PDB file of all heavy atoms in Angstrom:
ATOM      1  N   ILE A   1       5.520 -11.150   6.815  1.00  0.00           N
ATOM      2  CA  ILE A   1       6.537 -10.316   7.401  1.00  0.00           C
ATOM      3  C   ILE A   1       6.039  -9.677   8.712  1.00  0.00           C
ATOM      4  O   ILE A   1       4.981  -9.163   8.718  1.00  0.00           O
ATOM      5  CB  ILE A   1       6.989  -9.181   6.477  1.00  0.00           C
ATOM      6  CG1 ILE A   1       7.505  -9.858   5.122  1.00  0.00           C
ATOM      7  CG2 ILE A   1       7.939  -8.291   7.033  1.00  0.00           C
ATOM      8  CD1 ILE A   1       7.824  -8.895   4.085  1.00  0.00           C
ATOM      9  N   ASP A   2       6.958  -9.732   9.708  1.00  0.00           N
ATOM     10  CA  ASP A   2       6.502  -9.102  10.976  1.00  0.00           C
ATOM     11  C   ASP A   2       6.330  -7.586  10.934  1.00  0.00           C
ATOM     12  O   ASP A   2       7.183  -6.734  10.516  1.00  0.00           O
ATOM     13  CB  ASP A   2       7.702  -9.358  12.046  1.00  0.00           C
ATOM     14  CG  ASP A   2       7.257  -9.057  13.441  1.00  0.00           C
ATOM     15  OD1 ASP A   2       6.322  -8.301  13.636  1.00  0.00           O
ATOM     16  OD2 ASP A   2       8.033  -9.424  14.340  1.00  0.00           O
ATOM     17  N   LEU A   3       5.154  -7.198  11.275  1.00  0.00           N
ATOM     18  CA  LEU A   3       4.705  -5.775  11.096  1.00  0.00           C
ATOM     19  C   LEU A   3       5.528  -4.922  12.148  1.00  0.00           C
ATOM     20  O   LEU A   3       5.777  -3.746  11.841  1.00  0.00           O
ATOM     21  CB  LEU A   3       3.248  -5.564  11.270  1.00  0.00           C
ATOM     22  CG  LEU A   3       2.358  -5.999  10.244  1.00  0.00           C
ATOM     23  CD1 LEU A   3       0.945  -5.893  10.621  1.00  0.00           C
ATOM     24  CD2 LEU A   3       2.658  -5.334   8.924  1.00  0.00           C
ATOM     25  N   ALA A   4       6.057  -5.561  13.135  1.00  0.00           N
ATOM     26  CA  ALA A   4       6.910  -4.732  14.079  1.00  0.00           C
ATOM     27  C   ALA A   4       8.233  -4.260  13.355  1.00  0.00           C
ATOM     28  O   ALA A   4       8.696  -3.134  13.602  1.00  0.00           O
ATOM     29  CB  ALA A   4       7.316  -5.551  15.335  1.00  0.00           C
ATOM     30  N   ILE A   5       8.730  -5.197  12.524  1.00  0.00           N
ATOM     31  CA  ILE A   5       9.945  -4.826  11.742  1.00  0.00           C
ATOM     32  C   ILE A   5       9.582  -3.720  10.753  1.00  0.00           C
ATOM     33  O   ILE A   5      10.375  -2.761  10.520  1.00  0.00           O
ATOM     34  CB  ILE A   5      10.499  -6.140  11.060  1.00  0.00           C
ATOM     35  CG1 ILE A   5      10.930  -7.111  12.015  1.00  0.00           C
ATOM     36  CG2 ILE A   5      11.562  -5.717  10.151  1.00  0.00           C
ATOM     37  CD1 ILE A   5      11.360  -8.421  11.513  1.00  0.00           C
ATOM     38  N   VAL A   6       8.435  -3.838  10.160  1.00  0.00           N
ATOM     39  CA  VAL A   6       8.025  -2.818   9.171  1.00  0.00           C
ATOM     40  C   VAL A   6       7.921  -1.471   9.899  1.00  0.00           C
ATOM     41  O   VAL A   6       8.440  -0.517   9.360  1.00  0.00           O
ATOM     42  CB  VAL A   6       6.649  -3.137   8.518  1.00  0.00           C
ATOM     43  CG1 VAL A   6       6.225  -2.010   7.562  1.00  0.00           C
ATOM     44  CG2 VAL A   6       6.814  -4.491   7.742  1.00  0.00           C
ATOM     45  N   ARG A   7       7.332  -1.444  11.048  1.00  0.00           N
ATOM     46  CA  ARG A   7       7.197  -0.076  11.770  1.00  0.00           C
ATOM     47  C   ARG A   7       8.628   0.423  12.161  1.00  0.00           C
ATOM     48  O   ARG A   7       8.848   1.626  11.995  1.00  0.00           O
ATOM     49  CB  ARG A   7       6.393  -0.318  13.091  1.00  0.00           C
ATOM     50  CG  ARG A   7       6.167   0.956  13.746  1.00  0.00           C
ATOM     51  CD  ARG A   7       5.388   0.825  15.045  1.00  0.00           C
ATOM     52  NE  ARG A   7       5.138   2.180  15.622  1.00  0.00           N
ATOM     53  CZ  ARG A   7       4.115   2.742  15.467  1.00  0.00           C
ATOM     54  NH1 ARG A   7       3.136   2.418  14.726  1.00  0.00           N
ATOM     55  NH2 ARG A   7       3.916   3.974  16.011  1.00  0.00           N
ATOM     56  N   LYS A   8       9.527  -0.409  12.486  1.00  0.00           N
ATOM     57  CA  LYS A   8      10.853  -0.004  12.927  1.00  0.00           C
ATOM     58  C   LYS A   8      11.586   0.632  11.627  1.00  0.00           C
ATOM     59  O   LYS A   8      12.222   1.701  11.794  1.00  0.00           O
ATOM     60  CB  LYS A   8      11.573  -1.213  13.452  1.00  0.00           C
ATOM     61  CG  LYS A   8      13.051  -0.853  13.799  1.00  0.00           C
ATOM     62  CD  LYS A   8      13.804  -2.022  14.334  1.00  0.00           C
ATOM     63  CE  LYS A   8      15.330  -1.614  14.938  1.00  0.00           C
ATOM     64  NZ  LYS A   8      16.047  -2.814  15.297  1.00  0.00           N
ATOM     65  N   LEU A   9      11.315   0.016  10.558  1.00  0.00           N
ATOM     66  CA  LEU A   9      11.909   0.520   9.315  1.00  0.00           C
ATOM     67  C   LEU A   9      11.374   1.962   8.962  1.00  0.00           C
ATOM     68  O   LEU A   9      12.025   2.838   8.542  1.00  0.00           O
ATOM     69  CB  LEU A   9      11.786  -0.444   8.175  1.00  0.00           C
ATOM     70  CG  LEU A   9      12.585  -1.676   8.147  1.00  0.00           C
ATOM     71  CD1 LEU A   9      12.126  -2.604   7.021  1.00  0.00           C
ATOM     72  CD2 LEU A   9      14.064  -1.393   7.922  1.00  0.00           C
ATOM     73  N   LEU A  10      10.011   2.099   9.153  1.00  0.00           N
ATOM     74  CA  LEU A  10       9.355   3.375   8.915  1.00  0.00           C
ATOM     75  C   LEU A  10      10.095   4.444   9.885  1.00  0.00           C
ATOM     76  O   LEU A  10      10.264   5.553   9.424  1.00  0.00           O
ATOM     77  CB  LEU A  10       7.995   3.287   9.232  1.00  0.00           C
ATOM     78  CG  LEU A  10       7.126   2.635   8.061  1.00  0.00           C
ATOM     79  CD1 LEU A  10       5.596   2.569   8.537  1.00  0.00           C
ATOM     80  CD2 LEU A  10       7.144   3.532   6.736  1.00  0.00           C
ATOM     81  N   GLU A  11      10.155   4.095  11.160  1.00  0.00           N
ATOM     82  CA  GLU A  11      10.805   5.024  12.067  1.00  0.00           C
ATOM     83  C   GLU A  11      12.202   5.432  11.738  1.00  0.00           C
ATOM     84  O   GLU A  11      12.552   6.581  11.927  1.00  0.00           O
ATOM     85  CB  GLU A  11      10.689   4.415  13.552  1.00  0.00           C
ATOM     86  CG  GLU A  11       9.244   4.229  14.087  1.00  0.00           C
ATOM     87  CD  GLU A  11       9.245   3.390  15.364  1.00  0.00           C
ATOM     88  OE1 GLU A  11      10.270   2.815  15.672  1.00  0.00           O
ATOM     89  OE2 GLU A  11       8.204   3.400  16.037  1.00  0.00           O
ATOM     90  N   GLU A  12      12.964   4.462  11.176  1.00  0.00           N
ATOM     91  CA  GLU A  12      14.395   4.818  10.731  1.00  0.00           C
ATOM     92  C   GLU A  12      14.243   5.728   9.559  1.00  0.00           C
ATOM     93  O   GLU A  12      14.968   6.639   9.328  1.00  0.00           O
ATOM     94  CB  GLU A  12      15.063   3.560  10.434  1.00  0.00           C
ATOM     95  CG  GLU A  12      15.401   2.663  11.679  1.00  0.00           C
ATOM     96  CD  GLU A  12      16.214   1.358  11.328  1.00  0.00           C
ATOM     97  OE1 GLU A  12      16.279   1.095  10.213  1.00  0.00           O
ATOM     98  OE2 GLU A  12      16.574   0.723  12.249  1.00  0.00           O
ATOM     99  N   THR A  13      13.315   5.348   8.553  1.00  0.00           N
ATOM    100  CA  THR A  13      13.235   6.131   7.319  1.00  0.00           C
ATOM    101  C   THR A  13      12.876   7.542   7.607  1.00  0.00           C
ATOM    102  O   THR A  13      13.402   8.394   6.915  1.00  0.00           O
ATOM    103  CB  THR A  13      12.282   5.402   6.433  1.00  0.00           C
ATOM    104  OG1 THR A  13      12.731   4.084   6.154  1.00  0.00           O
ATOM    105  CG2 THR A  13      12.238   6.200   5.046  1.00  0.00           C
ATOM    106  N   PHE A  14      11.977   7.747   8.453  1.00  0.00           N
ATOM    107  CA  PHE A  14      11.353   9.040   8.715  1.00  0.00           C
ATOM    108  C   PHE A  14      11.893   9.624  10.038  1.00  0.00           C
ATOM    109  O   PHE A  14      11.099  10.257  10.764  1.00  0.00           O
ATOM    110  CB  PHE A  14       9.843   9.020   8.599  1.00  0.00           C
ATOM    111  CG  PHE A  14       9.266   8.586   7.243  1.00  0.00           C
ATOM    112  CD1 PHE A  14       8.710   7.394   7.106  1.00  0.00           C
ATOM    113  CD2 PHE A  14       9.475   9.446   6.244  1.00  0.00           C
ATOM    114  CE1 PHE A  14       8.221   7.085   5.892  1.00  0.00           C
ATOM    115  CE2 PHE A  14       8.930   9.150   4.883  1.00  0.00           C
ATOM    116  CZ  PHE A  14       8.376   7.855   4.756  1.00  0.00           C
ATOM    117  N   ALA A  15      13.066   9.307  10.391  1.00  0.00           N
ATOM    118  CA  ALA A  15      13.649   9.767  11.722  1.00  0.00           C
ATOM    119  C   ALA A  15      13.665  11.292  11.776  1.00  0.00           C
ATOM    120  O   ALA A  15      13.315  11.841  12.868  1.00  0.00           O
ATOM    121  CB  ALA A  15      15.040   9.223  11.945  1.00  0.00           C
ATOM    122  N   ARG A  16      13.749  12.045  10.763  1.00  0.00           N
ATOM    123  CA  ARG A  16      13.673  13.473  10.699  1.00  0.00           C
ATOM    124  C   ARG A  16      12.361  14.048  10.595  1.00  0.00           C
ATOM    125  O   ARG A  16      12.126  15.124  10.714  1.00  0.00           O
ATOM    126  CB  ARG A  16      14.611  13.961   9.613  1.00  0.00           C
ATOM    127  CG  ARG A  16      16.123  13.592   9.865  1.00  0.00           C
ATOM    128  CD  ARG A  16      16.930  14.316   8.754  1.00  0.00           C
ATOM    129  NE  ARG A  16      18.422  13.987   8.969  1.00  0.00           N
ATOM    130  CZ  ARG A  16      19.317  14.484   8.188  1.00  0.00           C
ATOM    131  NH1 ARG A  16      19.038  15.243   7.118  1.00  0.00           N
ATOM    132  NH2 ARG A  16      20.623  14.091   8.361  1.00  0.00           N
ATOM    133  N   LYS A  17      11.365  13.188  10.236  1.00  0.00           N
ATOM    134  CA  LYS A  17      10.005  13.638   9.979  1.00  0.00           C
ATOM    135  C   LYS A  17       9.080  12.528  10.725  1.00  0.00           C
ATOM    136  O   LYS A  17       8.296  11.838  10.033  1.00  0.00           O
ATOM    137  CB  LYS A  17       9.636  13.778   8.614  1.00  0.00           C
ATOM    138  CG  LYS A  17      10.476  14.771   7.780  1.00  0.00           C
ATOM    139  CD  LYS A  17      10.079  14.887   6.404  1.00  0.00           C
ATOM    140  CE  LYS A  17      10.940  15.960   5.615  1.00  0.00           C
ATOM    141  NZ  LYS A  17      10.524  16.026   4.215  1.00  0.00           N
ATOM    142  N   PRO A  18       9.151  12.491  12.012  1.00  0.00           N
ATOM    143  CA  PRO A  18       8.385  11.529  12.746  1.00  0.00           C
ATOM    144  C   PRO A  18       6.793  11.563  12.510  1.00  0.00           C
ATOM    145  O   PRO A  18       6.164  10.493  12.638  1.00  0.00           O
ATOM    146  CB  PRO A  18       8.760  11.677  14.190  1.00  0.00           C
ATOM    147  CG  PRO A  18       9.206  13.085  14.272  1.00  0.00           C
ATOM    148  CD  PRO A  18       9.832  13.353  12.954  1.00  0.00           C
ATOM    149  N   GLN A  19       6.333  12.647  12.139  1.00  0.00           N
ATOM    150  CA  GLN A  19       4.917  12.785  11.887  1.00  0.00           C
ATOM    151  C   GLN A  19       4.368  12.022  10.682  1.00  0.00           C
ATOM    152  O   GLN A  19       3.167  11.840  10.643  1.00  0.00           O
ATOM    153  CB  GLN A  19       4.539  14.339  11.717  1.00  0.00           C
ATOM    154  CG  GLN A  19       5.053  14.881  10.506  1.00  0.00           C
ATOM    155  CD  GLN A  19       6.431  15.489  10.505  1.00  0.00           C
ATOM    156  OE1 GLN A  19       7.189  15.151  11.434  1.00  0.00           O
ATOM    157  NE2 GLN A  19       6.821  16.261   9.521  1.00  0.00           N
ATOM    158  N   LEU A  20       5.334  11.713   9.850  1.00  0.00           N
ATOM    159  CA  LEU A  20       4.912  10.768   8.606  1.00  0.00           C
ATOM    160  C   LEU A  20       4.916   9.292   9.056  1.00  0.00           C
ATOM    161  O   LEU A  20       4.283   8.504   8.166  1.00  0.00           O
ATOM    162  CB  LEU A  20       5.999  11.018   7.495  1.00  0.00           C
ATOM    163  CG  LEU A  20       6.102  12.415   6.933  1.00  0.00           C
ATOM    164  CD1 LEU A  20       7.079  12.441   5.817  1.00  0.00           C
ATOM    165  CD2 LEU A  20       4.718  12.830   6.381  1.00  0.00           C
ATOM    166  N   VAL A  21       5.299   8.812  10.179  1.00  0.00           N
ATOM    167  CA  VAL A  21       5.305   7.461  10.480  1.00  0.00           C
ATOM    168  C   VAL A  21       3.870   6.869  10.579  1.00  0.00           C
ATOM    169  O   VAL A  21       3.533   5.880   9.898  1.00  0.00           O
ATOM    170  CB  VAL A  21       6.102   7.117  11.804  1.00  0.00           C
ATOM    171  CG1 VAL A  21       5.945   5.705  12.227  1.00  0.00           C
ATOM    172  CG2 VAL A  21       7.491   7.639  11.620  1.00  0.00           C
ATOM    173  N   GLU A  22       2.994   7.487  11.335  1.00  0.00           N
ATOM    174  CA  GLU A  22       1.656   6.985  11.485  1.00  0.00           C
ATOM    175  C   GLU A  22       0.851   6.959  10.246  1.00  0.00           C
ATOM    176  O   GLU A  22       0.145   6.051   9.919  1.00  0.00           O
ATOM    177  CB  GLU A  22       0.931   7.769  12.555  1.00  0.00           C
ATOM    178  CG  GLU A  22       1.499   7.544  13.929  1.00  0.00           C
ATOM    179  CD  GLU A  22       1.485   6.124  14.377  1.00  0.00           C
ATOM    180  OE1 GLU A  22       0.504   5.422  13.960  1.00  0.00           O
ATOM    181  OE2 GLU A  22       2.350   5.607  15.083  1.00  0.00           O
ATOM    182  N   SER A  23       0.937   7.938   9.405  1.00  0.00           N
ATOM    183  CA  SER A  23       0.212   7.997   8.096  1.00  0.00           C
ATOM    184  C   SER A  23       0.736   6.974   7.151  1.00  0.00           C
ATOM    185  O   SER A  23      -0.124   6.452   6.504  1.00  0.00           O
ATOM    186  CB  SER A  23       0.392   9.444   7.446  1.00  0.00           C
ATOM    187  OG  SER A  23       1.629   9.905   7.297  1.00  0.00           O
ATOM    188  N   ASN A  24       1.975   6.718   7.159  1.00  0.00           N
ATOM    189  CA  ASN A  24       2.459   5.638   6.267  1.00  0.00           C
ATOM    190  C   ASN A  24       2.153   4.302   6.780  1.00  0.00           C
ATOM    191  O   ASN A  24       1.846   3.347   5.975  1.00  0.00           O
ATOM    192  CB  ASN A  24       3.989   5.712   6.094  1.00  0.00           C
ATOM    193  CG  ASN A  24       4.476   6.692   5.104  1.00  0.00           C
ATOM    194  OD1 ASN A  24       4.582   6.324   3.947  1.00  0.00           O
ATOM    195  ND2 ASN A  24       4.687   8.031   5.439  1.00  0.00           N
ATOM    196  N   LEU A  25       2.135   4.127   8.106  1.00  0.00           N
ATOM    197  CA  LEU A  25       1.723   2.887   8.643  1.00  0.00           C
ATOM    198  C   LEU A  25       0.248   2.597   8.430  1.00  0.00           C
ATOM    199  O   LEU A  25      -0.106   1.451   8.179  1.00  0.00           O
ATOM    200  CB  LEU A  25       1.973   2.919  10.172  1.00  0.00           C
ATOM    201  CG  LEU A  25       1.740   1.549  10.938  1.00  0.00           C
ATOM    202  CD1 LEU A  25       2.661   0.578  10.348  1.00  0.00           C
ATOM    203  CD2 LEU A  25       1.928   1.706  12.382  1.00  0.00           C
ATOM    204  N   GLN A  26      -0.605   3.611   8.320  1.00  0.00           N
ATOM    205  CA  GLN A  26      -1.968   3.504   7.956  1.00  0.00           C
ATOM    206  C   GLN A  26      -2.135   3.063   6.633  1.00  0.00           C
ATOM    207  O   GLN A  26      -2.942   2.003   6.300  1.00  0.00           O
ATOM    208  CB  GLN A  26      -2.673   4.836   8.224  1.00  0.00           C
ATOM    209  CG  GLN A  26      -4.175   4.743   7.949  1.00  0.00           C
ATOM    210  CD  GLN A  26      -4.927   6.058   8.093  1.00  0.00           C
ATOM    211  OE1 GLN A  26      -4.256   6.921   8.564  1.00  0.00           O
ATOM    212  NE2 GLN A  26      -6.204   6.058   7.738  1.00  0.00           N
ATOM    213  N   ALA A  27      -1.314   3.554   5.616  1.00  0.00           N
ATOM    214  CA  ALA A  27      -1.327   3.152   4.230  1.00  0.00           C
ATOM    215  C   ALA A  27      -0.900   1.691   4.126  1.00  0.00           C
ATOM    216  O   ALA A  27      -1.497   0.897   3.445  1.00  0.00           O
ATOM    217  CB  ALA A  27      -0.494   4.004   3.388  1.00  0.00           C
ATOM    218  N   ILE A  28       0.122   1.244   4.893  1.00  0.00           N
ATOM    219  CA  ILE A  28       0.565  -0.048   4.945  1.00  0.00           C
ATOM    220  C   ILE A  28      -0.518  -1.037   5.398  1.00  0.00           C
ATOM    221  O   ILE A  28      -0.730  -2.093   4.839  1.00  0.00           O
ATOM    222  CB  ILE A  28       1.804  -0.251   5.889  1.00  0.00           C
ATOM    223  CG1 ILE A  28       3.071   0.433   5.099  1.00  0.00           C
ATOM    224  CG2 ILE A  28       2.108  -1.662   6.176  1.00  0.00           C
ATOM    225  CD1 ILE A  28       4.284   0.450   5.834  1.00  0.00           C
ATOM    226  N   MET A  29      -1.270  -0.701   6.433  1.00  0.00           N
ATOM    227  CA  MET A  29      -2.277  -1.503   6.949  1.00  0.00           C
ATOM    228  C   MET A  29      -3.434  -1.678   5.950  1.00  0.00           C
ATOM    229  O   MET A  29      -4.142  -2.690   5.932  1.00  0.00           O
ATOM    230  CB  MET A  29      -2.782  -0.954   8.282  1.00  0.00           C
ATOM    231  CG  MET A  29      -1.808  -1.017   9.393  1.00  0.00           C
ATOM    232  SD  MET A  29      -1.067  -2.777   9.599  1.00  0.00           S
ATOM    233  CE  MET A  29      -2.524  -3.661   9.928  1.00  0.00           C
ATOM    234  N   LEU A  30      -3.707  -0.675   5.213  1.00  0.00           N
ATOM    235  CA  LEU A  30      -4.686  -0.771   4.212  1.00  0.00           C
ATOM    236  C   LEU A  30      -4.391  -1.831   3.111  1.00  0.00           C
ATOM    237  O   LEU A  30      -5.171  -2.674   2.801  1.00  0.00           O
ATOM    238  CB  LEU A  30      -4.957   0.601   3.454  1.00  0.00           C
ATOM    239  CG  LEU A  30      -5.598   1.647   4.270  1.00  0.00           C
ATOM    240  CD1 LEU A  30      -5.535   2.975   3.453  1.00  0.00           C
ATOM    241  CD2 LEU A  30      -7.102   1.306   4.515  1.00  0.00           C
ATOM    242  N   GLY A  31      -3.105  -1.853   2.779  1.00  0.00           N
ATOM    243  CA  GLY A  31      -2.701  -2.901   1.897  1.00  0.00           C
ATOM    244  C   GLY A  31      -2.648  -4.276   2.551  1.00  0.00           C
ATOM    245  O   GLY A  31      -3.029  -5.236   1.950  1.00  0.00           O
ATOM    246  N   TYR A  32      -2.194  -4.273   3.738  1.00  0.00           N
ATOM    247  CA  TYR A  32      -2.199  -5.548   4.575  1.00  0.00           C
ATOM    248  C   TYR A  32      -3.495  -6.225   4.733  1.00  0.00           C
ATOM    249  O   TYR A  32      -3.773  -7.395   4.442  1.00  0.00           O
ATOM    250  CB  TYR A  32      -1.553  -5.273   5.901  1.00  0.00           C
ATOM    251  CG  TYR A  32      -1.339  -6.602   6.807  1.00  0.00           C
ATOM    252  CD1 TYR A  32      -0.133  -7.110   6.793  1.00  0.00           C
ATOM    253  CD2 TYR A  32      -2.296  -7.034   7.647  1.00  0.00           C
ATOM    254  CE1 TYR A  32       0.154  -8.313   7.579  1.00  0.00           C
ATOM    255  CE2 TYR A  32      -2.167  -8.232   8.250  1.00  0.00           C
ATOM    256  CZ  TYR A  32      -0.930  -8.788   8.326  1.00  0.00           C
ATOM    257  OH  TYR A  32      -0.634  -9.914   8.956  1.00  0.00           O
ATOM    258  N   ASP A  33      -4.508  -5.316   5.157  1.00  0.00           N
ATOM    259  CA  ASP A  33      -5.874  -5.957   5.369  1.00  0.00           C
ATOM    260  C   ASP A  33      -6.518  -6.314   3.973  1.00  0.00           C
ATOM    261  O   ASP A  33      -7.184  -7.260   4.007  1.00  0.00           O
ATOM    262  CB  ASP A  33      -6.692  -4.736   6.019  1.00  0.00           C
ATOM    263  CG  ASP A  33      -6.312  -4.422   7.423  1.00  0.00           C
ATOM    264  OD1 ASP A  33      -5.617  -5.337   7.982  1.00  0.00           O
ATOM    265  OD2 ASP A  33      -6.646  -3.337   7.941  1.00  0.00           O
ATOM    266  N   TYR A  34      -6.340  -5.657   2.963  1.00  0.00           N
ATOM    267  CA  TYR A  34      -6.816  -5.999   1.623  1.00  0.00           C
ATOM    268  C   TYR A  34      -6.348  -7.292   1.193  1.00  0.00           C
ATOM    269  O   TYR A  34      -7.093  -8.129   0.732  1.00  0.00           O
ATOM    270  CB  TYR A  34      -6.633  -4.899   0.611  1.00  0.00           C
ATOM    271  CG  TYR A  34      -7.155  -5.184  -0.758  1.00  0.00           C
ATOM    272  CD1 TYR A  34      -8.452  -4.795  -0.993  1.00  0.00           C
ATOM    273  CD2 TYR A  34      -6.539  -5.920  -1.711  1.00  0.00           C
ATOM    274  CE1 TYR A  34      -9.070  -5.146  -2.268  1.00  0.00           C
ATOM    275  CE2 TYR A  34      -7.047  -6.289  -2.942  1.00  0.00           C
ATOM    276  CZ  TYR A  34      -8.302  -5.781  -3.140  1.00  0.00           C
ATOM    277  OH  TYR A  34      -8.929  -6.210  -4.364  1.00  0.00           O
TER     278      TYR A  34
END
């Protein structure tokens, strides 16, 4: 799955709390790399 699409979904989900985007993306990358 294209990670750019995943990031876009995160930005839509946390539109009211943008500070959560990067921390969630970090968690996603931990799963992706593993």
